[in-house]
């Protein structure tokens, strides 16, 4: 996978593989998709992969990973929790609903950034 190639990790704003299977580099791709790319190097240097994200449950843990701005840490934790739910989802419909909600959040984030 080449640097910045999202096709093996994200497709149309959806995660295409389980969170727990993401490599450190793939976590960086997810950060970029969530417009948190400036924190990519911090998580990379701390070797944060999908298994680490599966264990994440507090804003303090996100801050320790390297997302130092608390409002961004809260946003990332919210998105991690949605991805964790995907891992626990029993059926494809529930997974689609969660992915749709994530896509809507990304659109909202992009809109806010445009008007900020």
PDB file of N, CA and C in Angstrom:
ATOM      1  N   UNK A   1       0.852  -1.176   0.000  1.00  0.00           N
ATOM      2  CA  UNK A   1       0.000   0.000   0.000  1.00  0.00           C
ATOM      3  C   UNK A   1       0.890   1.228   0.000  1.00  0.00           C
ATOM      4  N   UNK A   2       0.658   2.146  -0.900  1.00  0.00           N
ATOM      5  CA  UNK A   2       1.456   3.359  -0.957  1.00  0.00           C
ATOM      6  C   UNK A   2       0.981   4.361   0.074  1.00  0.00           C
ATOM      7  N   UNK A   3       1.871   5.295   0.440  1.00  0.00           N
ATOM      8  CA  UNK A   3       1.529   6.306   1.427  1.00  0.00           C
ATOM      9  C   UNK A   3       0.322   7.099   0.949  1.00  0.00           C
ATOM     10  N   UNK A   4      -0.659   7.235   1.838  1.00  0.00           N
ATOM     11  CA  UNK A   4      -1.848   8.009   1.502  1.00  0.00           C
ATOM     12  C   UNK A   4      -2.895   7.241   0.714  1.00  0.00           C
ATOM     13  N   UNK A   5      -2.656   5.953   0.413  1.00  0.00           N
ATOM     14  CA  UNK A   5      -3.614   5.138  -0.318  1.00  0.00           C
ATOM     15  C   UNK A   5      -4.685   4.656   0.647  1.00  0.00           C
ATOM     16  N   UNK A   6      -5.874   5.224   0.511  1.00  0.00           N
ATOM     17  CA  UNK A   6      -6.948   4.888   1.439  1.00  0.00           C
ATOM     18  C   UNK A   6      -7.783   3.698   0.992  1.00  0.00           C
ATOM     19  N   UNK A   7      -7.620   3.234  -0.239  1.00  0.00           N
ATOM     20  CA  UNK A   7      -8.520   2.238  -0.800  1.00  0.00           C
ATOM     21  C   UNK A   7      -8.560   0.924  -0.025  1.00  0.00           C
ATOM     22  N   UNK A   8      -7.475   0.557   0.635  1.00  0.00           N
ATOM     23  CA  UNK A   8      -7.461  -0.705   1.370  1.00  0.00           C
ATOM     24  C   UNK A   8      -7.978  -0.549   2.800  1.00  0.00           C
ATOM     25  N   UNK A   9      -8.212   0.693   3.241  1.00  0.00           N
ATOM     26  CA  UNK A   9      -8.659   0.948   4.605  1.00  0.00           C
ATOM     27  C   UNK A   9     -10.034   1.600   4.631  1.00  0.00           C
ATOM     28  N   UNK A  10     -10.223   2.613   3.796  1.00  0.00           N
ATOM     29  CA  UNK A  10     -11.477   3.355   3.751  1.00  0.00           C
ATOM     30  C   UNK A  10     -12.010   3.342   2.320  1.00  0.00           C
ATOM     31  N   UNK A  11     -13.308   3.199   2.177  1.00  0.00           N
ATOM     32  CA  UNK A  11     -13.950   3.271   0.879  1.00  0.00           C
ATOM     33  C   UNK A  11     -15.238   4.053   1.057  1.00  0.00           C
ATOM     34  N   UNK A  12     -15.344   5.181   0.373  1.00  0.00           N
ATOM     35  CA  UNK A  12     -16.512   6.053   0.504  1.00  0.00           C
ATOM     36  C   UNK A  12     -16.797   6.417   1.955  1.00  0.00           C
ATOM     37  N   UNK A  13     -15.730   6.692   2.701  1.00  0.00           N
ATOM     38  CA  UNK A  13     -15.880   7.090   4.096  1.00  0.00           C
ATOM     39  C   UNK A  13     -16.155   5.951   5.054  1.00  0.00           C
ATOM     40  N   UNK A  14     -16.083   4.715   4.569  1.00  0.00           N
ATOM     41  CA  UNK A  14     -16.353   3.553   5.416  1.00  0.00           C
ATOM     42  C   UNK A  14     -15.080   2.752   5.630  1.00  0.00           C
ATOM     43  N   UNK A  15     -14.926   2.242   6.837  1.00  0.00           N
ATOM     44  CA  UNK A  15     -13.821   1.356   7.151  1.00  0.00           C
ATOM     45  C   UNK A  15     -14.095   0.023   6.472  1.00  0.00           C
ATOM     46  N   UNK A  16     -13.122  -0.505   5.724  1.00  0.00           N
ATOM     47  CA  UNK A  16     -13.361  -1.740   4.974  1.00  0.00           C
ATOM     48  C   UNK A  16     -12.712  -2.954   5.627  1.00  0.00           C
ATOM     49  N   UNK A  17     -12.093  -2.755   6.775  1.00  0.00           N
ATOM     50  CA  UNK A  17     -11.553  -3.893   7.507  1.00  0.00           C
ATOM     51  C   UNK A  17     -11.764  -3.635   8.992  1.00  0.00           C
ATOM     52  N   UNK A  18     -11.762  -4.673   9.800  1.00  0.00           N
ATOM     53  CA  UNK A  18     -12.012  -4.497  11.229  1.00  0.00           C
ATOM     54  C   UNK A  18     -10.979  -3.574  11.889  1.00  0.00           C
ATOM     55  N   UNK A  19     -11.444  -2.772  12.823  1.00  0.00           N
ATOM     56  CA  UNK A  19     -10.582  -1.844  13.548  1.00  0.00           C
ATOM     57  C   UNK A  19      -9.382  -2.550  14.156  1.00  0.00           C
ATOM     58  N   UNK A  20      -9.598  -3.709  14.741  1.00  0.00           N
ATOM     59  CA  UNK A  20      -8.526  -4.431  15.435  1.00  0.00           C
ATOM     60  C   UNK A  20      -7.409  -4.887  14.498  1.00  0.00           C
ATOM     61  N   UNK A  21      -7.681  -4.913  13.185  1.00  0.00           N
ATOM     62  CA  UNK A  21      -6.687  -5.371  12.214  1.00  0.00           C
ATOM     63  C   UNK A  21      -5.895  -4.233  11.570  1.00  0.00           C
ATOM     64  N   UNK A  22      -6.198  -2.983  11.940  1.00  0.00           N
ATOM     65  CA  UNK A  22      -5.494  -1.857  11.327  1.00  0.00           C
ATOM     66  C   UNK A  22      -4.053  -1.785  11.807  1.00  0.00           C
ATOM     67  N   UNK A  23      -3.153  -1.559  10.866  1.00  0.00           N
ATOM     68  CA  UNK A  23      -1.748  -1.347  11.197  1.00  0.00           C
ATOM     69  C   UNK A  23      -1.575   0.097  11.670  1.00  0.00           C
ATOM     70  N   UNK A  24      -0.380   0.411  12.143  1.00  0.00           N
ATOM     71  CA  UNK A  24      -0.069   1.773  12.566  1.00  0.00           C
ATOM     72  C   UNK A  24      -0.278   2.737  11.391  1.00  0.00           C
ATOM     73  N   UNK A  25       0.203   2.377  10.213  1.00  0.00           N
ATOM     74  CA  UNK A  25       0.035   3.228   9.033  1.00  0.00           C
ATOM     75  C   UNK A  25      -1.433   3.396   8.661  1.00  0.00           C
ATOM     76  N   UNK A  26      -2.206   2.347   8.789  1.00  0.00           N
ATOM     77  CA  UNK A  26      -3.634   2.420   8.458  1.00  0.00           C
ATOM     78  C   UNK A  26      -4.397   3.290   9.448  1.00  0.00           C
ATOM     79  N   UNK A  27      -3.979   3.292  10.710  1.00  0.00           N
ATOM     80  CA  UNK A  27      -4.578   4.207  11.687  1.00  0.00           C
ATOM     81  C   UNK A  27      -4.337   5.649  11.226  1.00  0.00           C
ATOM     82  N   UNK A  28      -3.163   5.906  10.675  1.00  0.00           N
ATOM     83  CA  UNK A  28      -2.866   7.227  10.132  1.00  0.00           C
ATOM     84  C   UNK A  28      -3.809   7.610   9.009  1.00  0.00           C
ATOM     85  N   UNK A  29      -4.159   6.651   8.165  1.00  0.00           N
ATOM     86  CA  UNK A  29      -5.095   6.904   7.072  1.00  0.00           C
ATOM     87  C   UNK A  29      -6.471   7.251   7.627  1.00  0.00           C
ATOM     88  N   UNK A  30      -6.890   6.548   8.674  1.00  0.00           N
ATOM     89  CA  UNK A  30      -8.170   6.849   9.318  1.00  0.00           C
ATOM     90  C   UNK A  30      -8.135   8.264   9.901  1.00  0.00           C
ATOM     91  N   UNK A  31      -7.023   8.627  10.537  1.00  0.00           N
ATOM     92  CA  UNK A  31      -6.885   9.989  11.079  1.00  0.00           C
ATOM     93  C   UNK A  31      -7.059  11.025   9.975  1.00  0.00           C
ATOM     94  N   UNK A  32      -6.425  10.787   8.839  1.00  0.00           N
ATOM     95  CA  UNK A  32      -6.551  11.727   7.722  1.00  0.00           C
ATOM     96  C   UNK A  32      -7.996  11.811   7.236  1.00  0.00           C
ATOM     97  N   UNK A  33      -8.675  10.683   7.172  1.00  0.00           N
ATOM     98  CA  UNK A  33     -10.076  10.674   6.733  1.00  0.00           C
ATOM     99  C   UNK A  33     -10.966  11.459   7.695  1.00  0.00           C
ATOM    100  N   UNK A  34     -10.590  11.478   8.967  1.00  0.00           N
ATOM    101  CA  UNK A  34     -11.346  12.210   9.982  1.00  0.00           C
ATOM    102  C   UNK A  34     -10.865  13.648  10.134  1.00  0.00           C
ATOM    103  N   UNK A  35      -9.982  14.080   9.232  1.00  0.00           N
ATOM    104  CA  UNK A  35      -9.396  15.422   9.259  1.00  0.00           C
ATOM    105  C   UNK A  35      -8.591  15.668  10.533  1.00  0.00           C
ATOM    106  N   UNK A  36      -7.914  14.609  11.005  1.00  0.00           N
ATOM    107  CA  UNK A  36      -7.030  14.696  12.166  1.00  0.00           C
ATOM    108  C   UNK A  36      -5.603  14.326  11.776  1.00  0.00           C
ATOM    109  N   UNK A  37      -5.272  14.511  10.502  1.00  0.00           N
ATOM    110  CA  UNK A  37      -3.978  14.120   9.970  1.00  0.00           C
ATOM    111  C   UNK A  37      -2.782  14.746  10.666  1.00  0.00           C
ATOM    112  N   UNK A  38      -2.959  15.910  11.278  1.00  0.00           N
ATOM    113  CA  UNK A  38      -1.826  16.554  11.950  1.00  0.00           C
ATOM    114  C   UNK A  38      -1.336  15.735  13.143  1.00  0.00           C
ATOM    115  N   UNK A  39      -2.159  14.788  13.617  1.00  0.00           N
ATOM    116  CA  UNK A  39      -1.782  13.935  14.751  1.00  0.00           C
ATOM    117  C   UNK A  39      -1.209  12.589  14.314  1.00  0.00           C
ATOM    118  N   UNK A  40      -1.136  12.378  13.011  1.00  0.00           N
ATOM    119  CA  UNK A  40      -0.681  11.097  12.461  1.00  0.00           C
ATOM    120  C   UNK A  40       0.709  10.718  12.966  1.00  0.00           C
ATOM    121  N   UNK A  41       1.648  11.647  12.918  1.00  0.00           N
ATOM    122  CA  UNK A  41       3.023  11.359  13.346  1.00  0.00           C
ATOM    123  C   UNK A  41       3.099  10.988  14.819  1.00  0.00           C
ATOM    124  N   UNK A  42       2.290  11.648  15.655  1.00  0.00           N
ATOM    125  CA  UNK A  42       2.295  11.344  17.091  1.00  0.00           C
ATOM    126  C   UNK A  42       1.835   9.906  17.336  1.00  0.00           C
ATOM    127  N   UNK A  43       0.759   9.500  16.676  1.00  0.00           N
ATOM    128  CA  UNK A  43       0.271   8.138  16.861  1.00  0.00           C
ATOM    129  C   UNK A  43       1.222   7.126  16.239  1.00  0.00           C
ATOM    130  N   UNK A  44       1.844   7.502  15.127  1.00  0.00           N
ATOM    131  CA  UNK A  44       2.826   6.631  14.491  1.00  0.00           C
ATOM    132  C   UNK A  44       4.020   6.414  15.417  1.00  0.00           C
ATOM    133  N   UNK A  45       4.535   7.486  16.003  1.00  0.00           N
ATOM    134  CA  UNK A  45       5.702   7.359  16.887  1.00  0.00           C
ATOM    135  C   UNK A  45       5.365   6.601  18.168  1.00  0.00           C
ATOM    136  N   UNK A  46       4.105   6.627  18.568  1.00  0.00           N
ATOM    137  CA  UNK A  46       3.665   5.869  19.747  1.00  0.00           C
ATOM    138  C   UNK A  46       3.202   4.457  19.391  1.00  0.00           C
ATOM    139  N   UNK A  47       3.322   4.098  18.097  1.00  0.00           N
ATOM    140  CA  UNK A  47       2.972   2.767  17.594  1.00  0.00           C
ATOM    141  C   UNK A  47       1.534   2.371  17.912  1.00  0.00           C
ATOM    142  N   UNK A  48       0.608   3.306  17.666  1.00  0.00           N
ATOM    143  CA  UNK A  48      -0.808   3.053  17.914  1.00  0.00           C
ATOM    144  C   UNK A  48      -1.415   2.357  16.695  1.00  0.00           C
ATOM    145  N   UNK A  49      -1.865   1.134  16.901  1.00  0.00           N
ATOM    146  CA  UNK A  49      -2.521   0.381  15.829  1.00  0.00           C
ATOM    147  C   UNK A  49      -3.974   0.136  16.215  1.00  0.00           C
ATOM    148  N   UNK A  50      -4.673  -0.627  15.409  1.00  0.00           N
ATOM    149  CA  UNK A  50      -6.084  -0.902  15.659  1.00  0.00           C
ATOM    150  C   UNK A  50      -6.344  -1.625  16.972  1.00  0.00           C
ATOM    151  N   UNK A  51      -5.437  -2.502  17.361  1.00  0.00           N
ATOM    152  CA  UNK A  51      -5.609  -3.203  18.634  1.00  0.00           C
ATOM    153  C   UNK A  51      -5.562  -2.222  19.797  1.00  0.00           C
ATOM    154  N   UNK A  52      -4.675  -1.237  19.707  1.00  0.00           N
ATOM    155  CA  UNK A  52      -4.610  -0.189  20.736  1.00  0.00           C
ATOM    156  C   UNK A  52      -5.916   0.604  20.768  1.00  0.00           C
ATOM    157  N   UNK A  53      -6.430   0.933  19.583  1.00  0.00           N
ATOM    158  CA  UNK A  53      -7.680   1.700  19.520  1.00  0.00           C
ATOM    159  C   UNK A  53      -8.851   0.916  20.096  1.00  0.00           C
ATOM    160  N   UNK A  54      -8.819  -0.405  19.945  1.00  0.00           N
ATOM    161  CA  UNK A  54      -9.894  -1.232  20.518  1.00  0.00           C
ATOM    162  C   UNK A  54      -9.915  -1.140  22.041  1.00  0.00           C
ATOM    163  N   UNK A  55      -8.766  -0.869  22.646  1.00  0.00           N
ATOM    164  CA  UNK A  55      -8.674  -0.783  24.107  1.00  0.00           C
ATOM    165  C   UNK A  55      -8.949   0.624  24.634  1.00  0.00           C
ATOM    166  N   UNK A  56      -8.996   1.592  23.738  1.00  0.00           N
ATOM    167  CA  UNK A  56      -9.161   2.996  24.133  1.00  0.00           C
ATOM    168  C   UNK A  56     -10.588   3.257  24.612  1.00  0.00           C
ATOM    169  N   UNK A  57     -10.709   3.899  25.791  1.00  0.00           N
ATOM    170  CA  UNK A  57     -12.052   4.162  26.306  1.00  0.00           C
ATOM    171  C   UNK A  57     -12.211   5.536  26.954  1.00  0.00           C
ATOM    172  N   UNK A  58     -11.141   6.306  27.077  1.00  0.00           N
ATOM    173  CA  UNK A  58     -11.260   7.621  27.719  1.00  0.00           C
ATOM    174  C   UNK A  58     -10.535   8.695  26.906  1.00  0.00           C
ATOM    175  N   UNK A  59     -10.950   9.926  27.100  1.00  0.00           N
ATOM    176  CA  UNK A  59     -10.290  11.059  26.452  1.00  0.00           C
ATOM    177  C   UNK A  59      -8.840  11.135  26.909  1.00  0.00           C
ATOM    178  N   UNK A  60      -8.583  10.857  28.176  1.00  0.00           N
ATOM    179  CA  UNK A  60      -7.204  10.885  28.685  1.00  0.00           C
ATOM    180  C   UNK A  60      -6.311   9.916  27.917  1.00  0.00           C
ATOM    181  N   UNK A  61      -6.851   8.741  27.580  1.00  0.00           N
ATOM    182  CA  UNK A  61      -6.065   7.777  26.811  1.00  0.00           C
ATOM    183  C   UNK A  61      -5.773   8.304  25.406  1.00  0.00           C
ATOM    184  N   UNK A  62      -6.740   8.968  24.802  1.00  0.00           N
ATOM    185  CA  UNK A  62      -6.525   9.545  23.465  1.00  0.00           C
ATOM    186  C   UNK A  62      -5.457  10.634  23.541  1.00  0.00           C
ATOM    187  N   UNK A  63      -5.512  11.448  24.582  1.00  0.00           N
ATOM    188  CA  UNK A  63      -4.516  12.502  24.761  1.00  0.00           C
ATOM    189  C   UNK A  63      -3.126  11.883  24.946  1.00  0.00           C
ATOM    190  N   UNK A  64      -3.047  10.798  25.727  1.00  0.00           N
ATOM    191  CA  UNK A  64      -1.766  10.100  25.917  1.00  0.00           C
ATOM    192  C   UNK A  64      -1.223   9.547  24.608  1.00  0.00           C
ATOM    193  N   UNK A  65      -2.115   9.157  23.693  1.00  0.00           N
ATOM    194  CA  UNK A  65      -1.689   8.638  22.391  1.00  0.00           C
ATOM    195  C   UNK A  65      -1.010   9.717  21.565  1.00  0.00           C
ATOM    196  N   UNK A  66      -1.388  10.976  21.798  1.00  0.00           N
ATOM    197  CA  UNK A  66      -0.756  12.056  21.045  1.00  0.00           C
ATOM    198  C   UNK A  66      -1.702  13.093  20.474  1.00  0.00           C
ATOM    199  N   UNK A  67      -2.995  12.949  20.698  1.00  0.00           N
ATOM    200  CA  UNK A  67      -3.944  13.973  20.242  1.00  0.00           C
ATOM    201  C   UNK A  67      -4.149  14.921  21.422  1.00  0.00           C
ATOM    202  N   UNK A  68      -3.336  15.957  21.447  1.00  0.00           N
ATOM    203  CA  UNK A  68      -3.205  16.795  22.638  1.00  0.00           C
ATOM    204  C   UNK A  68      -4.342  17.784  22.868  1.00  0.00           C
ATOM    205  N   UNK A  69      -5.008  18.223  21.850  1.00  0.00           N
ATOM    206  CA  UNK A  69      -6.103  19.173  21.995  1.00  0.00           C
ATOM    207  C   UNK A  69      -7.350  18.419  22.450  1.00  0.00           C
ATOM    208  N   UNK A  70      -7.873  18.763  23.622  1.00  0.00           N
ATOM    209  CA  UNK A  70      -8.943  17.954  24.218  1.00  0.00           C
ATOM    210  C   UNK A  70     -10.190  17.866  23.350  1.00  0.00           C
ATOM    211  N   UNK A  71     -10.566  18.932  22.664  1.00  0.00           N
ATOM    212  CA  UNK A  71     -11.757  18.869  21.815  1.00  0.00           C
ATOM    213  C   UNK A  71     -11.552  17.888  20.660  1.00  0.00           C
ATOM    214  N   UNK A  72     -10.350  17.833  20.108  1.00  0.00           N
ATOM    215  CA  UNK A  72     -10.042  16.865  19.050  1.00  0.00           C
ATOM    216  C   UNK A  72      -9.983  15.452  19.624  1.00  0.00           C
ATOM    217  N   UNK A  73      -9.458  15.322  20.846  1.00  0.00           N
ATOM    218  CA  UNK A  73      -9.400  14.016  21.510  1.00  0.00           C
ATOM    219  C   UNK A  73     -10.813  13.484  21.742  1.00  0.00           C
ATOM    220  N   UNK A  74     -11.727  14.364  22.153  1.00  0.00           N
ATOM    221  CA  UNK A  74     -13.119  13.950  22.376  1.00  0.00           C
ATOM    222  C   UNK A  74     -13.746  13.480  21.064  1.00  0.00           C
ATOM    223  N   UNK A  75     -13.507  14.232  19.994  1.00  0.00           N
ATOM    224  CA  UNK A  75     -14.042  13.858  18.683  1.00  0.00           C
ATOM    225  C   UNK A  75     -13.489  12.501  18.237  1.00  0.00           C
ATOM    226  N   UNK A  76     -12.160  12.313  18.375  1.00  0.00           N
ATOM    227  CA  UNK A  76     -11.548  11.058  17.957  1.00  0.00           C
ATOM    228  C   UNK A  76     -12.073   9.891  18.791  1.00  0.00           C
ATOM    229  N   UNK A  77     -12.230  10.093  20.102  1.00  0.00           N
ATOM    230  CA  UNK A  77     -12.766   9.030  20.958  1.00  0.00           C
ATOM    231  C   UNK A  77     -14.176   8.651  20.518  1.00  0.00           C
ATOM    232  N   UNK A  78     -14.990   9.640  20.182  1.00  0.00           N
ATOM    233  CA  UNK A  78     -16.353   9.367  19.710  1.00  0.00           C
ATOM    234  C   UNK A  78     -16.312   8.499  18.452  1.00  0.00           C
ATOM    235  N   UNK A  79     -15.404   8.822  17.536  1.00  0.00           N
ATOM    236  CA  UNK A  79     -15.286   8.043  16.306  1.00  0.00           C
ATOM    237  C   UNK A  79     -14.722   6.644  16.584  1.00  0.00           C
ATOM    238  N   UNK A  80     -13.767   6.537  17.513  1.00  0.00           N
ATOM    239  CA  UNK A  80     -13.225   5.223  17.892  1.00  0.00           C
ATOM    240  C   UNK A  80     -14.333   4.347  18.449  1.00  0.00           C
ATOM    241  N   UNK A  81     -15.172   4.929  19.304  1.00  0.00           N
ATOM    242  CA  UNK A  81     -16.262   4.145  19.903  1.00  0.00           C
ATOM    243  C   UNK A  81     -17.212   3.623  18.839  1.00  0.00           C
ATOM    244  N   UNK A  82     -17.450   4.414  17.792  1.00  0.00           N
ATOM    245  CA  UNK A  82     -18.295   3.933  16.689  1.00  0.00           C
ATOM    246  C   UNK A  82     -17.618   2.760  15.982  1.00  0.00           C
ATOM    247  N   UNK A  83     -16.309   2.876  15.772  1.00  0.00           N
ATOM    248  CA  UNK A  83     -15.578   1.786  15.118  1.00  0.00           C
ATOM    249  C   UNK A  83     -15.539   0.544  16.005  1.00  0.00           C
ATOM    250  N   UNK A  84     -15.442   0.746  17.316  1.00  0.00           N
ATOM    251  CA  UNK A  84     -15.480  -0.385  18.239  1.00  0.00           C
ATOM    252  C   UNK A  84     -16.838  -1.083  18.158  1.00  0.00           C
ATOM    253  N   UNK A  85     -17.902  -0.297  18.011  1.00  0.00           N
ATOM    254  CA  UNK A  85     -19.241  -0.873  17.870  1.00  0.00           C
ATOM    255  C   UNK A  85     -19.338  -1.728  16.613  1.00  0.00           C
ATOM    256  N   UNK A  86     -18.672  -1.279  15.554  1.00  0.00           N
ATOM    257  CA  UNK A  86     -18.680  -2.068  14.322  1.00  0.00           C
ATOM    258  C   UNK A  86     -18.122  -3.465  14.559  1.00  0.00           C
ATOM    259  N   UNK A  87     -17.101  -3.538  15.405  1.00  0.00           N
ATOM    260  CA  UNK A  87     -16.486  -4.830  15.703  1.00  0.00           C
ATOM    261  C   UNK A  87     -17.463  -5.738  16.448  1.00  0.00           C
ATOM    262  N   UNK A  88     -18.366  -5.124  17.192  1.00  0.00           N
ATOM    263  CA  UNK A  88     -19.298  -5.898  18.004  1.00  0.00           C
ATOM    264  C   UNK A  88     -20.647  -6.103  17.324  1.00  0.00           C
ATOM    265  N   UNK A  89     -20.846  -5.427  16.197  1.00  0.00           N
ATOM    266  CA  UNK A  89     -22.135  -5.496  15.508  1.00  0.00           C
ATOM    267  C   UNK A  89     -22.406  -6.921  15.039  1.00  0.00           C
ATOM    268  N   UNK A  90     -23.614  -7.360  15.296  1.00  0.00           N
ATOM    269  CA  UNK A  90     -23.986  -8.732  14.932  1.00  0.00           C
ATOM    270  C   UNK A  90     -24.387  -8.872  13.479  1.00  0.00           C
ATOM    271  N   UNK A  91     -24.970  -7.828  12.920  1.00  0.00           N
ATOM    272  CA  UNK A  91     -25.428  -7.971  11.540  1.00  0.00           C
ATOM    273  C   UNK A  91     -24.978  -6.786  10.692  1.00  0.00           C
ATOM    274  N   UNK A  92     -25.013  -6.992   9.386  1.00  0.00           N
ATOM    275  CA  UNK A  92     -24.518  -6.010   8.431  1.00  0.00           C
ATOM    276  C   UNK A  92     -25.327  -4.717   8.456  1.00  0.00           C
ATOM    277  N   UNK A  93     -26.614  -4.789   8.758  1.00  0.00           N
ATOM    278  CA  UNK A  93     -27.456  -3.595   8.801  1.00  0.00           C
ATOM    279  C   UNK A  93     -26.969  -2.637   9.871  1.00  0.00           C
ATOM    280  N   UNK A  94     -26.657  -3.153  11.055  1.00  0.00           N
ATOM    281  CA  UNK A  94     -26.164  -2.306  12.129  1.00  0.00           C
ATOM    282  C   UNK A  94     -24.827  -1.679  11.733  1.00  0.00           C
ATOM    283  N   UNK A  95     -23.975  -2.436  11.076  1.00  0.00           N
ATOM    284  CA  UNK A  95     -22.687  -1.906  10.624  1.00  0.00           C
ATOM    285  C   UNK A  95     -22.903  -0.781   9.617  1.00  0.00           C
ATOM    286  N   UNK A  96     -23.844  -0.955   8.701  1.00  0.00           N
ATOM    287  CA  UNK A  96     -24.136   0.089   7.716  1.00  0.00           C
ATOM    288  C   UNK A  96     -24.655   1.353   8.393  1.00  0.00           C
ATOM    289  N   UNK A  97     -25.526   1.206   9.417  1.00  0.00           N
ATOM    290  CA  UNK A  97     -26.046   2.361  10.136  1.00  0.00           C
ATOM    291  C   UNK A  97     -24.935   3.143  10.816  1.00  0.00           C
ATOM    292  N   UNK A  98     -24.010   2.455  11.449  1.00  0.00           N
ATOM    293  CA  UNK A  98     -22.895   3.113  12.137  1.00  0.00           C
ATOM    294  C   UNK A  98     -21.991   3.795  11.125  1.00  0.00           C
ATOM    295  N   UNK A  99     -21.682   3.116  10.017  1.00  0.00           N
ATOM    296  CA  UNK A  99     -20.846   3.721   8.977  1.00  0.00           C
ATOM    297  C   UNK A  99     -21.524   4.949   8.373  1.00  0.00           C
ATOM    298  N   UNK A 100     -22.836   4.906   8.176  1.00  0.00           N
ATOM    299  CA  UNK A 100     -23.573   6.051   7.651  1.00  0.00           C
ATOM    300  C   UNK A 100     -23.475   7.227   8.603  1.00  0.00           C
ATOM    301  N   UNK A 101     -23.617   6.966   9.897  1.00  0.00           N
ATOM    302  CA  UNK A 101     -23.495   8.029  10.897  1.00  0.00           C
ATOM    303  C   UNK A 101     -22.097   8.643  10.864  1.00  0.00           C
ATOM    304  N   UNK A 102     -21.071   7.806  10.706  1.00  0.00           N
ATOM    305  CA  UNK A 102     -19.700   8.326  10.618  1.00  0.00           C
ATOM    306  C   UNK A 102     -19.548   9.214   9.388  1.00  0.00           C
ATOM    307  N   UNK A 103     -20.127   8.801   8.255  1.00  0.00           N
ATOM    308  CA  UNK A 103     -20.050   9.608   7.039  1.00  0.00           C
ATOM    309  C   UNK A 103     -20.716  10.958   7.251  1.00  0.00           C
ATOM    310  N   UNK A 104     -21.855  10.975   7.928  1.00  0.00           N
ATOM    311  CA  UNK A 104     -22.553  12.234   8.193  1.00  0.00           C
ATOM    312  C   UNK A 104     -21.705  13.136   9.079  1.00  0.00           C
ATOM    313  N   UNK A 105     -21.022  12.569  10.061  1.00  0.00           N
ATOM    314  CA  UNK A 105     -20.152  13.360  10.921  1.00  0.00           C
ATOM    315  C   UNK A 105     -18.996  13.947  10.134  1.00  0.00           C
ATOM    316  N   UNK A 106     -18.439  13.190   9.195  1.00  0.00           N
ATOM    317  CA  UNK A 106     -17.339  13.691   8.374  1.00  0.00           C
ATOM    318  C   UNK A 106     -17.817  14.848   7.503  1.00  0.00           C
ATOM    319  N   UNK A 107     -19.022  14.739   6.927  1.00  0.00           N
ATOM    320  CA  UNK A 107     -19.574  15.809   6.104  1.00  0.00           C
ATOM    321  C   UNK A 107     -19.782  17.051   6.965  1.00  0.00           C
ATOM    322  N   UNK A 108     -20.326  16.877   8.165  1.00  0.00           N
ATOM    323  CA  UNK A 108     -20.541  18.000   9.084  1.00  0.00           C
ATOM    324  C   UNK A 108     -19.223  18.654   9.434  1.00  0.00           C
ATOM    325  N   UNK A 109     -18.197  17.852   9.730  1.00  0.00           N
ATOM    326  CA  UNK A 109     -16.884  18.386  10.072  1.00  0.00           C
ATOM    327  C   UNK A 109     -16.322  19.195   8.926  1.00  0.00           C
ATOM    328  N   UNK A 110     -16.440  18.694   7.701  1.00  0.00           N
ATOM    329  CA  UNK A 110     -15.934  19.401   6.526  1.00  0.00           C
ATOM    330  C   UNK A 110     -16.681  20.721   6.338  1.00  0.00           C
ATOM    331  N   UNK A 111     -17.998  20.715   6.552  1.00  0.00           N
ATOM    332  CA  UNK A 111     -18.803  21.917   6.397  1.00  0.00           C
ATOM    333  C   UNK A 111     -18.402  22.962   7.428  1.00  0.00           C
ATOM    334  N   UNK A 112     -18.228  22.549   8.671  1.00  0.00           N
ATOM    335  CA  UNK A 112     -17.819  23.477   9.728  1.00  0.00           C
ATOM    336  C   UNK A 112     -16.474  24.076   9.400  1.00  0.00           C
ATOM    337  N   UNK A 113     -15.529  23.256   8.905  1.00  0.00           N
ATOM    338  CA  UNK A 113     -14.198  23.758   8.560  1.00  0.00           C
ATOM    339  C   UNK A 113     -14.281  24.773   7.424  1.00  0.00           C
ATOM    340  N   UNK A 114     -15.193  24.575   6.485  1.00  0.00           N
ATOM    341  CA  UNK A 114     -15.336  25.509   5.367  1.00  0.00           C
ATOM    342  C   UNK A 114     -15.820  26.876   5.812  1.00  0.00           C
ATOM    343  N   UNK A 115     -16.670  26.877   6.823  1.00  0.00           N
ATOM    344  CA  UNK A 115     -17.259  28.131   7.276  1.00  0.00           C
ATOM    345  C   UNK A 115     -16.569  28.717   8.499  1.00  0.00           C
ATOM    346  N   UNK A 116     -15.529  28.042   8.976  1.00  0.00           N
ATOM    347  CA  UNK A 116     -14.812  28.528  10.165  1.00  0.00           C
ATOM    348  C   UNK A 116     -13.890  29.679   9.796  1.00  0.00           C
TER     349      UNK A 116
END
